[in-house]
Amino acid sequence: MLAELAAGRTHAQDGARWLPAAPLMAQLDRFLAAFESGTEAERAAAGAAGVDGRAIWQAAFQAAGGIDAWQAMPAAAGPIGSARPSGSDYRCPGVPVSI
């Protein structure tokens, strides 16, 4: 799981090279880093008697700024929409998903 989170952070950092996406990717990286913090905290507490792993995960996630990053993502995505050329289609050829 930690390897997947690290890969996600690398993808977010790569995505930030496109300047309109940089604010969103910074928040995504922050969110994934907080998720890593929660996971590490829960792993460290695993097996201890009377420990609520979910509560430990949540506390570490919050302390690392995960909730703030999640809440900041919608506003951070704004520049992406305005950077899209007018008249361009939202669909990607060969991808069965559209917005």
PDB file of N, CA and C in Angstrom:
ATOM      1  N   MET A   1       0.815  -1.182   0.000  1.00  0.00           N
ATOM      2  CA  MET A   1       0.000   0.000   0.000  1.00  0.00           C
ATOM      3  C   MET A   1       0.869   1.262   0.000  1.00  0.00           C
ATOM      4  N   LEU A   2       1.910   1.245   0.814  1.00  0.00           N
ATOM      5  CA  LEU A   2       2.782   2.424   0.848  1.00  0.00           C
ATOM      6  C   LEU A   2       3.464   2.656  -0.493  1.00  0.00           C
ATOM      7  N   ALA A   3       3.787   1.586  -1.197  1.00  0.00           N
ATOM      8  CA  ALA A   3       4.395   1.729  -2.526  1.00  0.00           C
ATOM      9  C   ALA A   3       3.418   2.385  -3.494  1.00  0.00           C
ATOM     10  N   GLU A   4       2.147   2.015  -3.396  1.00  0.00           N
ATOM     11  CA  GLU A   4       1.128   2.626  -4.267  1.00  0.00           C
ATOM     12  C   GLU A   4       0.944   4.109  -3.938  1.00  0.00           C
ATOM     13  N   LEU A   5       0.971   4.445  -2.659  1.00  0.00           N
ATOM     14  CA  LEU A   5       0.862   5.845  -2.266  1.00  0.00           C
ATOM     15  C   LEU A   5       2.071   6.633  -2.762  1.00  0.00           C
ATOM     16  N   ALA A   6       3.247   6.049  -2.650  1.00  0.00           N
ATOM     17  CA  ALA A   6       4.456   6.712  -3.153  1.00  0.00           C
ATOM     18  C   ALA A   6       4.371   6.910  -4.661  1.00  0.00           C
ATOM     19  N   ALA A   7       3.861   5.904  -5.368  1.00  0.00           N
ATOM     20  CA  ALA A   7       3.688   6.037  -6.823  1.00  0.00           C
ATOM     21  C   ALA A   7       2.694   7.144  -7.143  1.00  0.00           C
ATOM     22  N   GLY A   8       1.619   7.221  -6.379  1.00  0.00           N
ATOM     23  CA  GLY A   8       0.638   8.289  -6.573  1.00  0.00           C
ATOM     24  C   GLY A   8       1.243   9.658  -6.360  1.00  0.00           C
ATOM     25  N   ARG A   9       2.090   9.768  -5.354  1.00  0.00           N
ATOM     26  CA  ARG A   9       2.756  11.054  -5.101  1.00  0.00           C
ATOM     27  C   ARG A   9       3.676  11.421  -6.263  1.00  0.00           C
ATOM     28  N   THR A  10       4.346  10.432  -6.825  1.00  0.00           N
ATOM     29  CA  THR A  10       5.205  10.690  -7.985  1.00  0.00           C
ATOM     30  C   THR A  10       4.370  11.161  -9.166  1.00  0.00           C
ATOM     31  N   HIS A  11       3.221  10.532  -9.380  1.00  0.00           N
ATOM     32  CA  HIS A  11       2.330  10.956 -10.469  1.00  0.00           C
ATOM     33  C   HIS A  11       1.821  12.379 -10.229  1.00  0.00           C
ATOM     34  N   ALA A  12       1.491  12.706  -8.992  1.00  0.00           N
ATOM     35  CA  ALA A  12       1.037  14.064  -8.677  1.00  0.00           C
ATOM     36  C   ALA A  12       2.147  15.071  -8.959  1.00  0.00           C
ATOM     37  N   GLN A  13       3.363  14.733  -8.593  1.00  0.00           N
ATOM     38  CA  GLN A  13       4.487  15.634  -8.862  1.00  0.00           C
ATOM     39  C   GLN A  13       4.734  15.777 -10.357  1.00  0.00           C
ATOM     40  N   ASP A  14       4.552  14.693 -11.090  1.00  0.00           N
ATOM     41  CA  ASP A  14       4.679  14.770 -12.556  1.00  0.00           C
ATOM     42  C   ASP A  14       3.577  15.650 -13.139  1.00  0.00           C
ATOM     43  N   GLY A  15       2.348  15.467 -12.649  1.00  0.00           N
ATOM     44  CA  GLY A  15       1.221  16.254 -13.138  1.00  0.00           C
ATOM     45  C   GLY A  15       1.373  17.734 -12.862  1.00  0.00           C
ATOM     46  N   ALA A  16       2.089  18.059 -11.809  1.00  0.00           N
ATOM     47  CA  ALA A  16       2.287  19.469 -11.441  1.00  0.00           C
ATOM     48  C   ALA A  16       3.166  20.214 -12.438  1.00  0.00           C
ATOM     49  N   ARG A  17       3.819  19.485 -13.330  1.00  0.00           N
ATOM     50  CA  ARG A  17       4.640  20.172 -14.342  1.00  0.00           C
ATOM     51  C   ARG A  17       3.784  20.926 -15.343  1.00  0.00           C
ATOM     52  N   TRP A  18       2.511  20.513 -15.485  1.00  0.00           N
ATOM     53  CA  TRP A  18       1.589  21.304 -16.308  1.00  0.00           C
ATOM     54  C   TRP A  18       1.060  22.395 -15.377  1.00  0.00           C
ATOM     55  N   LEU A  19       1.464  23.613 -15.593  1.00  0.00           N
ATOM     56  CA  LEU A  19       1.217  24.689 -14.632  1.00  0.00           C
ATOM     57  C   LEU A  19      -0.243  24.872 -14.214  1.00  0.00           C
ATOM     58  N   PRO A  20      -1.228  24.738 -15.117  1.00  0.00           N
ATOM     59  CA  PRO A  20      -2.605  24.879 -14.640  1.00  0.00           C
ATOM     60  C   PRO A  20      -2.995  23.814 -13.606  1.00  0.00           C
ATOM     61  N   ALA A  21      -2.344  22.665 -13.633  1.00  0.00           N
ATOM     62  CA  ALA A  21      -2.660  21.588 -12.695  1.00  0.00           C
ATOM     63  C   ALA A  21      -1.820  21.647 -11.426  1.00  0.00           C
ATOM     64  N   ALA A  22      -0.814  22.484 -11.385  1.00  0.00           N
ATOM     65  CA  ALA A  22       0.117  22.507 -10.250  1.00  0.00           C
ATOM     66  C   ALA A  22      -0.574  22.708  -8.898  1.00  0.00           C
ATOM     67  N   PRO A  23      -1.528  23.644  -8.755  1.00  0.00           N
ATOM     68  CA  PRO A  23      -2.171  23.800  -7.444  1.00  0.00           C
ATOM     69  C   PRO A  23      -2.936  22.540  -7.007  1.00  0.00           C
ATOM     70  N   LEU A  24      -3.644  21.922  -7.935  1.00  0.00           N
ATOM     71  CA  LEU A  24      -4.383  20.699  -7.610  1.00  0.00           C
ATOM     72  C   LEU A  24      -3.433  19.564  -7.270  1.00  0.00           C
ATOM     73  N   MET A  25      -2.385  19.416  -8.057  1.00  0.00           N
ATOM     74  CA  MET A  25      -1.435  18.331  -7.818  1.00  0.00           C
ATOM     75  C   MET A  25      -0.699  18.517  -6.493  1.00  0.00           C
ATOM     76  N   ALA A  26      -0.462  19.764  -6.094  1.00  0.00           N
ATOM     77  CA  ALA A  26       0.172  20.017  -4.790  1.00  0.00           C
ATOM     78  C   ALA A  26      -0.746  19.536  -3.661  1.00  0.00           C
ATOM     79  N   GLN A  27      -2.042  19.788  -3.803  1.00  0.00           N
ATOM     80  CA  GLN A  27      -2.991  19.331  -2.782  1.00  0.00           C
ATOM     81  C   GLN A  27      -3.129  17.814  -2.797  1.00  0.00           C
ATOM     82  N   LEU A  28      -3.098  17.211  -3.988  1.00  0.00           N
ATOM     83  CA  LEU A  28      -3.172  15.756  -4.075  1.00  0.00           C
ATOM     84  C   LEU A  28      -1.945  15.130  -3.423  1.00  0.00           C
ATOM     85  N   ASP A  29      -0.776  15.690  -3.684  1.00  0.00           N
ATOM     86  CA  ASP A  29       0.445  15.184  -3.063  1.00  0.00           C
ATOM     87  C   ASP A  29       0.348  15.302  -1.535  1.00  0.00           C
ATOM     88  N   ARG A  30      -0.140  16.418  -1.063  1.00  0.00           N
ATOM     89  CA  ARG A  30      -0.311  16.633   0.380  1.00  0.00           C
ATOM     90  C   ARG A  30      -1.299  15.618   0.968  1.00  0.00           C
ATOM     91  N   PHE A  31      -2.382  15.355   0.249  1.00  0.00           N
ATOM     92  CA  PHE A  31      -3.386  14.382   0.688  1.00  0.00           C
ATOM     93  C   PHE A  31      -2.780  12.983   0.761  1.00  0.00           C
ATOM     94  N   LEU A  32      -2.045  12.587  -0.271  1.00  0.00           N
ATOM     95  CA  LEU A  32      -1.435  11.264  -0.282  1.00  0.00           C
ATOM     96  C   LEU A  32      -0.362  11.131   0.805  1.00  0.00           C
ATOM     97  N   ALA A  33       0.387  12.203   1.056  1.00  0.00           N
ATOM     98  CA  ALA A  33       1.385  12.181   2.132  1.00  0.00           C
ATOM     99  C   ALA A  33       0.699  11.993   3.486  1.00  0.00           C
ATOM    100  N   ALA A  34      -0.445  12.642   3.675  1.00  0.00           N
ATOM    101  CA  ALA A  34      -1.194  12.480   4.921  1.00  0.00           C
ATOM    102  C   ALA A  34      -1.726  11.061   5.053  1.00  0.00           C
ATOM    103  N   PHE A  35      -2.142  10.482   3.943  1.00  0.00           N
ATOM    104  CA  PHE A  35      -2.614   9.094   3.947  1.00  0.00           C
ATOM    105  C   PHE A  35      -1.469   8.166   4.352  1.00  0.00           C
ATOM    106  N   GLU A  36      -0.274   8.446   3.824  1.00  0.00           N
ATOM    107  CA  GLU A  36       0.907   7.672   4.224  1.00  0.00           C
ATOM    108  C   GLU A  36       1.155   7.802   5.722  1.00  0.00           C
ATOM    109  N   SER A  37       1.043   9.019   6.246  1.00  0.00           N
ATOM    110  CA  SER A  37       1.254   9.241   7.678  1.00  0.00           C
ATOM    111  C   SER A  37       0.274   8.431   8.507  1.00  0.00           C
ATOM    112  N   GLY A  38      -0.976   8.430   8.104  1.00  0.00           N
ATOM    113  CA  GLY A  38      -1.983   7.655   8.821  1.00  0.00           C
ATOM    114  C   GLY A  38      -1.690   6.168   8.772  1.00  0.00           C
ATOM    115  N   THR A  39      -1.280   5.697   7.613  1.00  0.00           N
ATOM    116  CA  THR A  39      -0.979   4.279   7.449  1.00  0.00           C
ATOM    117  C   THR A  39       0.220   3.878   8.292  1.00  0.00           C
ATOM    118  N   GLU A  40       1.247   4.694   8.291  1.00  0.00           N
ATOM    119  CA  GLU A  40       2.434   4.408   9.096  1.00  0.00           C
ATOM    120  C   GLU A  40       2.096   4.408  10.589  1.00  0.00           C
ATOM    121  N   ALA A  41       1.275   5.352  11.024  1.00  0.00           N
ATOM    122  CA  ALA A  41       0.891   5.423  12.436  1.00  0.00           C
ATOM    123  C   ALA A  41       0.086   4.193  12.834  1.00  0.00           C
ATOM    124  N   GLU A  42      -0.824   3.786  11.975  1.00  0.00           N
ATOM    125  CA  GLU A  42      -1.636   2.602  12.273  1.00  0.00           C
ATOM    126  C   GLU A  42      -0.765   1.348  12.303  1.00  0.00           C
ATOM    127  N   ARG A  43       0.164   1.249  11.374  1.00  0.00           N
ATOM    128  CA  ARG A  43       1.080   0.093  11.369  1.00  0.00           C
ATOM    129  C   ARG A  43       1.920   0.053  12.634  1.00  0.00           C
ATOM    130  N   ALA A  44       2.396   1.211  13.072  1.00  0.00           N
ATOM    131  CA  ALA A  44       3.233   1.267  14.268  1.00  0.00           C
ATOM    132  C   ALA A  44       2.457   0.828  15.510  1.00  0.00           C
ATOM    133  N   ALA A  45       1.161   1.086  15.526  1.00  0.00           N
ATOM    134  CA  ALA A  45       0.336   0.748  16.683  1.00  0.00           C
ATOM    135  C   ALA A  45      -0.272  -0.649  16.594  1.00  0.00           C
ATOM    136  N   ALA A  46      -0.124  -1.301  15.445  1.00  0.00           N
ATOM    137  CA  ALA A  46      -0.745  -2.614  15.244  1.00  0.00           C
ATOM    138  C   ALA A  46      -0.283  -3.597  16.312  1.00  0.00           C
ATOM    139  N   GLY A  47      -1.231  -4.330  16.831  1.00  0.00           N
ATOM    140  CA  GLY A  47      -0.924  -5.361  17.812  1.00  0.00           C
ATOM    141  C   GLY A  47      -0.909  -4.894  19.249  1.00  0.00           C
ATOM    142  N   ALA A  48      -0.891  -3.592  19.467  1.00  0.00           N
ATOM    143  CA  ALA A  48      -0.911  -3.089  20.842  1.00  0.00           C
ATOM    144  C   ALA A  48      -2.305  -3.278  21.424  1.00  0.00           C
ATOM    145  N   ALA A  49      -2.359  -3.742  22.630  1.00  0.00           N
ATOM    146  CA  ALA A  49      -3.648  -4.003  23.287  1.00  0.00           C
ATOM    147  C   ALA A  49      -4.407  -2.693  23.515  1.00  0.00           C
ATOM    148  N   GLY A  50      -5.695  -2.750  23.240  1.00  0.00           N
ATOM    149  CA  GLY A  50      -6.565  -1.605  23.514  1.00  0.00           C
ATOM    150  C   GLY A  50      -6.375  -0.412  22.597  1.00  0.00           C
ATOM    151  N   VAL A  51      -5.745  -0.606  21.472  1.00  0.00           N
ATOM    152  CA  VAL A  51      -5.490   0.497  20.553  1.00  0.00           C
ATOM    153  C   VAL A  51      -6.510   0.463  19.423  1.00  0.00           C
ATOM    154  N   ASP A  52      -7.120   1.609  19.161  1.00  0.00           N
ATOM    155  CA  ASP A  52      -8.068   1.737  18.055  1.00  0.00           C
ATOM    156  C   ASP A  52      -7.289   2.223  16.831  1.00  0.00           C
ATOM    157  N   GLY A  53      -6.931   1.288  15.949  1.00  0.00           N
ATOM    158  CA  GLY A  53      -6.130   1.623  14.779  1.00  0.00           C
ATOM    159  C   GLY A  53      -6.766   2.663  13.890  1.00  0.00           C
ATOM    160  N   ARG A  54      -8.078   2.632  13.752  1.00  0.00           N
ATOM    161  CA  ARG A  54      -8.764   3.617  12.910  1.00  0.00           C
ATOM    162  C   ARG A  54      -8.633   5.016  13.489  1.00  0.00           C
ATOM    163  N   ALA A  55      -8.751   5.125  14.822  1.00  0.00           N
ATOM    164  CA  ALA A  55      -8.615   6.437  15.461  1.00  0.00           C
ATOM    165  C   ALA A  55      -7.188   6.963  15.325  1.00  0.00           C
ATOM    166  N   ILE A  56      -6.224   6.071  15.451  1.00  0.00           N
ATOM    167  CA  ILE A  56      -4.820   6.475  15.293  1.00  0.00           C
ATOM    168  C   ILE A  56      -4.569   6.925  13.864  1.00  0.00           C
ATOM    169  N   TRP A  57      -5.110   6.173  12.897  1.00  0.00           N
ATOM    170  CA  TRP A  57      -4.965   6.555  11.492  1.00  0.00           C
ATOM    171  C   TRP A  57      -5.555   7.946  11.270  1.00  0.00           C
ATOM    172  N   GLN A  58      -6.772   8.157  11.746  1.00  0.00           N
ATOM    173  CA  GLN A  58      -7.464   9.432  11.541  1.00  0.00           C
ATOM    174  C   GLN A  58      -6.695  10.595  12.156  1.00  0.00           C
ATOM    175  N   ALA A  59      -6.203  10.399  13.376  1.00  0.00           N
ATOM    176  CA  ALA A  59      -5.465  11.474  14.047  1.00  0.00           C
ATOM    177  C   ALA A  59      -4.195  11.835  13.274  1.00  0.00           C
ATOM    178  N   ALA A  60      -3.476  10.834  12.806  1.00  0.00           N
ATOM    179  CA  ALA A  60      -2.247  11.098  12.044  1.00  0.00           C
ATOM    180  C   ALA A  60      -2.566  11.752  10.705  1.00  0.00           C
ATOM    181  N   PHE A  61      -3.618  11.280  10.048  1.00  0.00           N
ATOM    182  CA  PHE A  61      -4.048  11.844   8.771  1.00  0.00           C
ATOM    183  C   PHE A  61      -4.403  13.326   8.935  1.00  0.00           C
ATOM    184  N   GLN A  62      -5.172  13.635   9.958  1.00  0.00           N
ATOM    185  CA  GLN A  62      -5.558  15.023  10.208  1.00  0.00           C
ATOM    186  C   GLN A  62      -4.355  15.886  10.560  1.00  0.00           C
ATOM    187  N   ALA A  63      -3.475  15.360  11.427  1.00  0.00           N
ATOM    188  CA  ALA A  63      -2.295  16.124  11.836  1.00  0.00           C
ATOM    189  C   ALA A  63      -1.383  16.439  10.653  1.00  0.00           C
ATOM    190  N   ALA A  64      -1.370  15.570   9.664  1.00  0.00           N
ATOM    191  CA  ALA A  64      -0.536  15.770   8.476  1.00  0.00           C
ATOM    192  C   ALA A  64      -1.204  16.669   7.434  1.00  0.00           C
ATOM    193  N   GLY A  65      -2.409  17.152   7.715  1.00  0.00           N
ATOM    194  CA  GLY A  65      -3.077  18.076   6.797  1.00  0.00           C
ATOM    195  C   GLY A  65      -3.935  17.421   5.740  1.00  0.00           C
ATOM    196  N   GLY A  66      -4.295  16.160   5.924  1.00  0.00           N
ATOM    197  CA  GLY A  66      -5.076  15.446   4.919  1.00  0.00           C
ATOM    198  C   GLY A  66      -6.446  16.040   4.662  1.00  0.00           C
ATOM    199  N   ILE A  67      -7.136  16.428   5.713  1.00  0.00           N
ATOM    200  CA  ILE A  67      -8.480  16.995   5.533  1.00  0.00           C
ATOM    201  C   ILE A  67      -8.392  18.358   4.858  1.00  0.00           C
ATOM    202  N   ASP A  68      -7.426  19.159   5.279  1.00  0.00           N
ATOM    203  CA  ASP A  68      -7.255  20.471   4.647  1.00  0.00           C
ATOM    204  C   ASP A  68      -6.940  20.329   3.157  1.00  0.00           C
ATOM    205  N   ALA A  69      -6.078  19.366   2.829  1.00  0.00           N
ATOM    206  CA  ALA A  69      -5.730  19.150   1.419  1.00  0.00           C
ATOM    207  C   ALA A  69      -6.952  18.707   0.626  1.00  0.00           C
ATOM    208  N   TRP A  70      -7.746  17.788   1.189  1.00  0.00           N
ATOM    209  CA  TRP A  70      -8.948  17.301   0.509  1.00  0.00           C
ATOM    210  C   TRP A  70      -9.915  18.458   0.250  1.00  0.00           C
ATOM    211  N   GLN A  71     -10.098  19.295   1.245  1.00  0.00           N
ATOM    212  CA  GLN A  71     -11.032  20.413   1.107  1.00  0.00           C
ATOM    213  C   GLN A  71     -10.522  21.475   0.151  1.00  0.00           C
ATOM    214  N   ALA A  72      -9.215  21.561  -0.020  1.00  0.00           N
ATOM    215  CA  ALA A  72      -8.635  22.565  -0.918  1.00  0.00           C
ATOM    216  C   ALA A  72      -8.646  22.134  -2.384  1.00  0.00           C
ATOM    217  N   MET A  73      -8.864  20.858  -2.639  1.00  0.00           N
ATOM    218  CA  MET A  73      -8.781  20.360  -4.016  1.00  0.00           C
ATOM    219  C   MET A  73      -9.771  20.993  -4.988  1.00  0.00           C
ATOM    220  N   PRO A  74     -11.044  21.142  -4.649  1.00  0.00           N
ATOM    221  CA  PRO A  74     -11.960  21.728  -5.645  1.00  0.00           C
ATOM    222  C   PRO A  74     -11.534  23.123  -6.106  1.00  0.00           C
ATOM    223  N   ALA A  75     -11.139  23.979  -5.186  1.00  0.00           N
ATOM    224  CA  ALA A  75     -10.702  25.322  -5.579  1.00  0.00           C
ATOM    225  C   ALA A  75      -9.402  25.262  -6.371  1.00  0.00           C
ATOM    226  N   ALA A  76      -8.527  24.326  -5.991  1.00  0.00           N
ATOM    227  CA  ALA A  76      -7.250  24.200  -6.685  1.00  0.00           C
ATOM    228  C   ALA A  76      -7.421  23.695  -8.112  1.00  0.00           C
ATOM    229  N   ALA A  77      -8.543  23.049  -8.399  1.00  0.00           N
ATOM    230  CA  ALA A  77      -8.788  22.526  -9.750  1.00  0.00           C
ATOM    231  C   ALA A  77      -9.246  23.609 -10.718  1.00  0.00           C
ATOM    232  N   GLY A  78      -9.632  24.760 -10.218  1.00  0.00           N
ATOM    233  CA  GLY A  78     -10.157  25.827 -11.059  1.00  0.00           C
ATOM    234  C   GLY A  78      -9.316  26.187 -12.264  1.00  0.00           C
ATOM    235  N   PRO A  79      -8.009  26.367 -12.099  1.00  0.00           N
ATOM    236  CA  PRO A  79      -7.194  26.759 -13.258  1.00  0.00           C
ATOM    237  C   PRO A  79      -7.191  25.741 -14.398  1.00  0.00           C
ATOM    238  N   ILE A  80      -7.489  24.495 -14.103  1.00  0.00           N
ATOM    239  CA  ILE A  80      -7.477  23.475 -15.154  1.00  0.00           C
ATOM    240  C   ILE A  80      -8.587  23.745 -16.167  1.00  0.00           C
ATOM    241  N   GLY A  81      -9.787  24.044 -15.679  1.00  0.00           N
ATOM    242  CA  GLY A  81     -10.906  24.307 -16.582  1.00  0.00           C
ATOM    243  C   GLY A  81     -10.689  25.523 -17.447  1.00  0.00           C
ATOM    244  N   SER A  82     -10.100  26.568 -16.876  1.00  0.00           N
ATOM    245  CA  SER A  82      -9.891  27.781 -17.658  1.00  0.00           C
ATOM    246  C   SER A  82      -8.724  27.637 -18.629  1.00  0.00           C
ATOM    247  N   ALA A  83      -7.859  26.646 -18.415  1.00  0.00           N
ATOM    248  CA  ALA A  83      -6.730  26.433 -19.329  1.00  0.00           C
ATOM    249  C   ALA A  83      -7.114  25.589 -20.528  1.00  0.00           C
ATOM    250  N   ARG A  84      -8.272  24.976 -20.473  1.00  0.00           N
ATOM    251  CA  ARG A  84      -8.733  24.133 -21.561  1.00  0.00           C
ATOM    252  C   ARG A  84      -9.119  25.015 -22.750  1.00  0.00           C
ATOM    253  N   PRO A  85      -8.623  24.713 -23.925  1.00  0.00           N
ATOM    254  CA  PRO A  85      -8.962  25.532 -25.093  1.00  0.00           C
ATOM    255  C   PRO A  85     -10.469  25.543 -25.339  1.00  0.00           C
ATOM    256  N   SER A  86     -11.008  26.691 -25.658  1.00  0.00           N
ATOM    257  CA  SER A  86     -12.439  26.771 -25.913  1.00  0.00           C
ATOM    258  C   SER A  86     -12.804  25.917 -27.122  1.00  0.00           C
ATOM    259  N   GLY A  87     -13.953  25.285 -27.028  1.00  0.00           N
ATOM    260  CA  GLY A  87     -14.432  24.449 -28.116  1.00  0.00           C
ATOM    261  C   GLY A  87     -13.861  23.047 -28.122  1.00  0.00           C
ATOM    262  N   SER A  88     -12.930  22.753 -27.228  1.00  0.00           N
ATOM    263  CA  SER A  88     -12.377  21.394 -27.227  1.00  0.00           C
ATOM    264  C   SER A  88     -13.358  20.448 -26.553  1.00  0.00           C
ATOM    265  N   ASP A  89     -13.351  19.226 -27.036  1.00  0.00           N
ATOM    266  CA  ASP A  89     -14.254  18.204 -26.523  1.00  0.00           C
ATOM    267  C   ASP A  89     -13.704  17.651 -25.213  1.00  0.00           C
ATOM    268  N   TYR A  90     -14.593  17.338 -24.307  1.00  0.00           N
ATOM    269  CA  TYR A  90     -14.182  16.771 -23.032  1.00  0.00           C
ATOM    270  C   TYR A  90     -13.788  15.296 -23.152  1.00  0.00           C
ATOM    271  N   ARG A  91     -14.128  14.669 -24.237  1.00  0.00           N
ATOM    272  CA  ARG A  91     -13.923  13.225 -24.366  1.00  0.00           C
ATOM    273  C   ARG A  91     -12.544  12.901 -24.927  1.00  0.00           C
ATOM    274  N   CYS A  92     -12.040  11.777 -24.445  1.00  0.00           N
ATOM    275  CA  CYS A  92     -10.775  11.253 -24.988  1.00  0.00           C
ATOM    276  C   CYS A  92     -11.132  10.081 -25.906  1.00  0.00           C
ATOM    277  N   PRO A  93     -10.567  10.057 -27.103  1.00  0.00           N
ATOM    278  CA  PRO A  93     -10.863   8.960 -28.024  1.00  0.00           C
ATOM    279  C   PRO A  93     -10.496   7.608 -27.396  1.00  0.00           C
ATOM    280  N   GLY A  94     -11.394   6.654 -27.502  1.00  0.00           N
ATOM    281  CA  GLY A  94     -11.120   5.325 -27.008  1.00  0.00           C
ATOM    282  C   GLY A  94     -11.343   5.145 -25.512  1.00  0.00           C
ATOM    283  N   VAL A  95     -11.723   6.210 -24.812  1.00  0.00           N
ATOM    284  CA  VAL A  95     -11.980   6.112 -23.376  1.00  0.00           C
ATOM    285  C   VAL A  95     -13.483   6.235 -23.155  1.00  0.00           C
ATOM    286  N   PRO A  96     -14.101   5.220 -22.569  1.00  0.00           N
ATOM    287  CA  PRO A  96     -15.570   5.212 -22.454  1.00  0.00           C
ATOM    288  C   PRO A  96     -16.093   6.067 -21.288  1.00  0.00           C
ATOM    289  N   VAL A  97     -15.402   7.141 -20.944  1.00  0.00           N
ATOM    290  CA  VAL A  97     -15.846   8.022 -19.864  1.00  0.00           C
ATOM    291  C   VAL A  97     -15.866   9.439 -20.393  1.00  0.00           C
ATOM    292  N   SER A  98     -16.899  10.167 -20.056  1.00  0.00           N
ATOM    293  CA  SER A  98     -16.946  11.573 -20.453  1.00  0.00           C
ATOM    294  C   SER A  98     -17.415  12.397 -19.262  1.00  0.00           C
ATOM    295  N   ILE A  99     -17.173  13.668 -19.333  1.00  0.00           N
ATOM    296  CA  ILE A  99     -17.579  14.593 -18.263  1.00  0.00           C
ATOM    297  C   ILE A  99     -18.700  15.456 -18.768  1.00  0.00           C
TER     298      ILE A  99
END
